Structure formats: structure tokens, C-alpha cells
């Protein structure tokens, strides 16, 4: 064997030369990574790093509140050797139950100063960028979680014109609600002329690939937890590339 050690090499900025985005995924989530990879595909120099954290399969206010304790451990394994541009926490209802500020504090305990987003943070920023206030909201949650979602949005000045729900507590089933059922529900609740935009709440529901087609049928913006948070994470990281194939939101800048 002709062994040659110490060969010369050069360093570059790596695959995250433009941005490194960390994503915390719930253990039971089957959807968010797939949808984010669809969006991030083709964005040269943007790296996505993921970690998973434990969660209960049933989605209730109590199980959502229990997520808080495990956030720091999930952050700790997100690319610890390099700075991150953004950390995204992948649970919509959990972010509303715990509060965006509390989640940011738990993340900052491990990664001080990094910008933080959640699905609801992304959705609120998306509504601002789209200039909408009157919403149709679709969730998979049972009534107690839906009541919390409704209050959270109302307290921030949004009018929920129509609220639709599949009322399924089991997250392993939520992820398998077929895209046709989701599309039919979006069209049913979004067709009300008072509705300015449709928001699909839950990182387990599949919507990203259907956004453009649904917007064309409704004539109004459509977004979801995964869709809005991916857009927000990219904009917070300074990645402003328009991606019109993913709907109106991905042609808009972040409004500060």
C-alpha cells in the first residue's frame, strides 16, 4: 500500500455558505422534513440541519405544555460546531400553548442570540407580508386545542371567519390524512368571500405541494405551518430568493 498522509487541502464555507438553518422536529412528525426539503431544494448555499425531540402521540394542551423541558436537549445537537442563522421549533399548537417568547428563551439558553421562529411566528409574519386579517383556519386538533388556537389568533387582532377541523388527536393519524382531504377542506372553508387567506395549522398536515393550485382556485393566499415557517426561517436568514412555485408568500419579503 502506498499510503500518503498530510495531503494539501483548502477550506470553503461548506454547504451552508449563505445560511445554516436548524429545525427541531417532534418525534412523531412525518411531514415537516419532507416539505422543507421540497422548498429548500435548489437553494444553493442554504443548509438544513435537523434534530428530533420526544413528544406524546396525543395532542392535548397538557402534552403540548410538556414539550418545554426537552427543547434545550434538541437544540444542543443542532450542528454544535458551527453558528446557525436561525433555529425553527416545529410544533404549531405547542408554540401557542407554551408561547413564542418562552420557546425562544429555551433555545437561547443553548444558542444565545440566534433568531428563532415557530410555525405560529411564521404564520403571523406571513399574514403581515400578505396584508391579510380575516382568516379561514384548518386544523386536525380536538376542540380544546382548537379553542386555544382561536383565542391566540384573536388576541393578536385576527378575525377567524371560518374554523374547520378534522378533530383527530392522534398525531400518527394526522400525518396520514390524505392531501385530497386537506385540499377539499381548504377549498370548503376558503371559498367564503369574507375570507382573505387560508391557514392550515399543524406541521403534520401536508399542503406545500398543493399551495399554488389551491391559490389559483380560490383567488386568495393559502399557507400552512410548514410553508409559513420555512418562508420565515429563510427570510430571517437573509435568503430572499423568490420561489413562485410555492405560492404568493414565497414572492414576498419579510415586513419588519
Foldseek 3Di string as FASTA:
>chain_A
DDDDPPDDDDDDCPQQQQFEEEEEAEPLADFLVVLLCVVCPPVGNYHYFYFYWYFDQFDDLVRLCVRLVTLLVRLCPGPVPDAGQEYEYEWQLSCLSCDVVSSVVSNCVRVNPHHYYYLVNLVVQLCVQQVFAEEAEEEAAADNSVVSVVVSSVVVRHHDPHYYYVHDRGLNVQLVPDPVVVLVVCCVRLQPPVHQEYEYETSSHDDQQCQVVSCVVRVHGYYYSSRRRSLVSCLSSVNLDQDPSRPDSSNTHGDD
